C-alpha atoms as a PDB file:
ATOM      1  CA  MET A   1       0.084  -0.043  -0.008  1.00  0.00           C
ATOM      2  CA  THR A   2       1.200   3.755  -1.017  1.00  0.00           C
ATOM      3  CA  PRO A   3       1.424   6.058   1.666  1.00  0.00           C
ATOM      4  CA  LEU A   4      -1.316   7.982  -0.332  1.00  0.00           C
ATOM      5  CA  GLU A   5      -3.425   5.336  -0.146  1.00  0.00           C
ATOM      6  CA  ARG A   6      -2.897   4.939   3.555  1.00  0.00           C
ATOM      7  CA  VAL A   7      -3.780   8.136   3.998  1.00  0.00           C
ATOM      8  CA  GLU A   8      -6.870   7.527   1.835  1.00  0.00           C
ATOM      9  CA  ALA A   9      -7.812   4.061   4.231  1.00  0.00           C
ATOM     10  CA  LEU A  10      -7.324   6.943   7.330  1.00  0.00           C
ATOM     11  CA  TYR A  11      -9.724   8.795   5.654  1.00  0.00           C
ATOM     12  CA  GLU A  12     -12.223   6.352   5.287  1.00  0.00           C
ATOM     13  CA  GLU A  13     -11.506   5.481   9.278  1.00  0.00           C
ATOM     14  CA  LEU A  14     -12.305   8.808   9.995  1.00  0.00           C
ATOM     15  CA  VAL A  15     -15.103   9.067   8.001  1.00  0.00           C
ATOM     16  CA  ASP A  16     -16.879   6.024   9.755  1.00  0.00           C
ATOM     17  CA  TRP A  17     -15.562   6.960  13.063  1.00  0.00           C
ATOM     18  CA  TYR A  18     -17.719  10.307  12.676  1.00  0.00           C
ATOM     19  CA  GLY A  19     -20.384   7.822  12.053  1.00  0.00           C
ATOM     20  CA  GLU A  20     -24.324   9.237  11.039  1.00  0.00           C
ATOM     21  CA  GLY A  21     -23.186  12.765  12.237  1.00  0.00           C
ATOM     22  CA  ALA A  22     -23.054  15.939   9.739  1.00  0.00           C
ATOM     23  CA  ASP A  23     -21.054  16.530   7.571  1.00  0.00           C
ATOM     24  CA  ARG A  24     -18.572  13.751   8.278  1.00  0.00           C
ATOM     25  CA  GLU A  25     -16.222  13.710   5.126  1.00  0.00           C
ATOM     26  CA  THR A  26     -15.547  17.094   5.312  1.00  0.00           C
ATOM     27  CA  ARG A  27     -15.252  16.606   9.407  1.00  0.00           C
ATOM     28  CA  ALA A  28     -12.661  13.935   8.370  1.00  0.00           C
ATOM     29  CA  ALA A  29     -11.041  15.777   5.559  1.00  0.00           C
ATOM     30  CA  ALA A  30      -9.982  18.871   7.392  1.00  0.00           C
ATOM     31  CA  LYS A  31      -8.964  17.027  10.501  1.00  0.00           C
ATOM     32  CA  LEU A  32      -6.016  15.594   8.202  1.00  0.00           C
ATOM     33  CA  LEU A  33      -5.572  18.963   6.794  1.00  0.00           C
ATOM     34  CA  MET A  34      -4.889  19.742   9.883  1.00  0.00           C
ATOM     35  CA  VAL A  35      -2.554  17.388  10.427  1.00  0.00           C
ATOM     36  CA  ALA A  36      -0.916  17.997   7.183  1.00  0.00           C
ATOM     37  CA  LEU A  37      -0.627  22.006   8.119  1.00  0.00           C
ATOM     38  CA  ALA A  38       1.024  21.733  10.844  1.00  0.00           C
ATOM     39  CA  LYS A  39       3.436  19.149   9.751  1.00  0.00           C
ATOM     40  CA  LEU A  40       4.432  21.004   6.861  1.00  0.00           C
ATOM     41  CA  GLN A  41       4.756  24.351   8.924  1.00  0.00           C
ATOM     42  CA  THR A  42       7.104  22.512  11.016  1.00  0.00           C
ATOM     43  CA  HIS A  43       9.096  20.310   8.161  1.00  0.00           C
ATOM     44  CA  GLY A  44       8.620  22.115   5.155  1.00  0.00           C
ATOM     45  CA  GLY A  45      11.164  25.311   5.316  1.00  0.00           C
ATOM     46  CA  PRO A  46      10.460  28.736   4.499  1.00  0.00           C
ATOM     47  CA  GLY A  47       8.627  27.786   1.069  1.00  0.00           C
ATOM     48  CA  TRP A  48       5.853  25.518   2.942  1.00  0.00           C
ATOM     49  CA  GLN A  49       3.240  28.186   2.481  1.00  0.00           C
ATOM     50  CA  GLY A  50       3.578  28.813  -1.251  1.00  0.00           C
ATOM     51  CA  LEU A  51       3.775  24.867  -1.823  1.00  0.00           C
ATOM     52  CA  VAL A  52      -0.104  24.806  -0.643  1.00  0.00           C
ATOM     53  CA  GLU A  53      -1.079  27.851  -2.312  1.00  0.00           C
ATOM     54  CA  GLU A  54       0.401  26.446  -5.446  1.00  0.00           C
ATOM     55  CA  TYR A  55      -2.260  23.417  -4.734  1.00  0.00           C
ATOM     56  CA  LEU A  56      -4.704  25.407  -3.947  1.00  0.00           C
ATOM     57  CA  LEU A  57      -4.467  26.940  -7.493  1.00  0.00           C
ATOM     58  CA  MET A  58      -4.041  24.216  -9.025  1.00  0.00           C
ATOM     59  CA  LEU A  59      -7.178  22.516  -7.423  1.00  0.00           C
ATOM     60  CA  ARG A  60      -9.236  25.479  -8.283  1.00  0.00           C
ATOM     61  CA  ASN A  61      -7.809  26.125 -11.994  1.00  0.00           C
ATOM     62  CA  ASP A  62      -6.768  23.403 -13.304  1.00  0.00           C
ATOM     63  CA  PRO A  63      -8.569  20.277 -11.233  1.00  0.00           C
ATOM     64  CA  ASP A  64      -7.470  17.243 -13.793  1.00  0.00           C
ATOM     65  CA  ARG A  65      -3.843  18.455 -13.807  1.00  0.00           C
ATOM     66  CA  PHE A  66      -4.382  17.772 -10.092  1.00  0.00           C
ATOM     67  CA  ALA A  67      -6.162  14.553 -10.285  1.00  0.00           C
ATOM     68  CA  ARG A  68      -3.440  13.403 -12.146  1.00  0.00           C
ATOM     69  CA  LEU A  69      -0.764  14.491  -9.990  1.00  0.00           C
ATOM     70  CA  LEU A  70      -2.770  12.381  -7.217  1.00  0.00           C
ATOM     71  CA  GLU A  71      -3.402   9.431  -9.634  1.00  0.00           C
ATOM     72  CA  ALA A  72       0.778   9.164 -10.195  1.00  0.00           C
ATOM     73  CA  ASN A  73       1.781   9.633  -6.321  1.00  0.00           C
ATOM     74  CA  ARG A  74      -0.672   6.095  -5.626  1.00  0.00           C
ATOM     75  CA  SER A  75       2.018   4.076  -7.886  1.00  0.00           C
ATOM     76  CA  ASN A  76       4.213   2.074  -6.320  1.00  0.00           C
ATOM     77  CA  ARG A  77       7.623   2.782  -6.135  1.00  0.00           C
ATOM     78  CA  LYS A  78       8.489  -1.359  -6.421  1.00  0.00           C
ATOM     79  CA  ASP A  79       6.622  -1.354  -9.542  1.00  0.00           C
ATOM     80  CA  TRP A  80       9.101   1.347 -11.000  1.00  0.00           C
ATOM     81  CA  PRO A  81      11.548   0.189 -13.783  1.00  0.00           C
ATOM     82  CA  ALA A  82      14.889   0.159 -12.311  1.00  0.00           C
END
């Protein structure tokens, strides 16, 4: 399982944890986003905000490109040719 697949599985686990609560998908995504932003701030160096803004702009202006980026991150490095 790739790291992205593991995060997606955690998202599903969070959604399940919220049960039948209102906006459970949004709440689960917000939790993951909060953790990701905290880690980016801590470990991302001085350009961490620019990276976040770049992804947001891509998602807003070119959602197909963003989807391709996500899909590329689903590939397992072990499967890559040497």
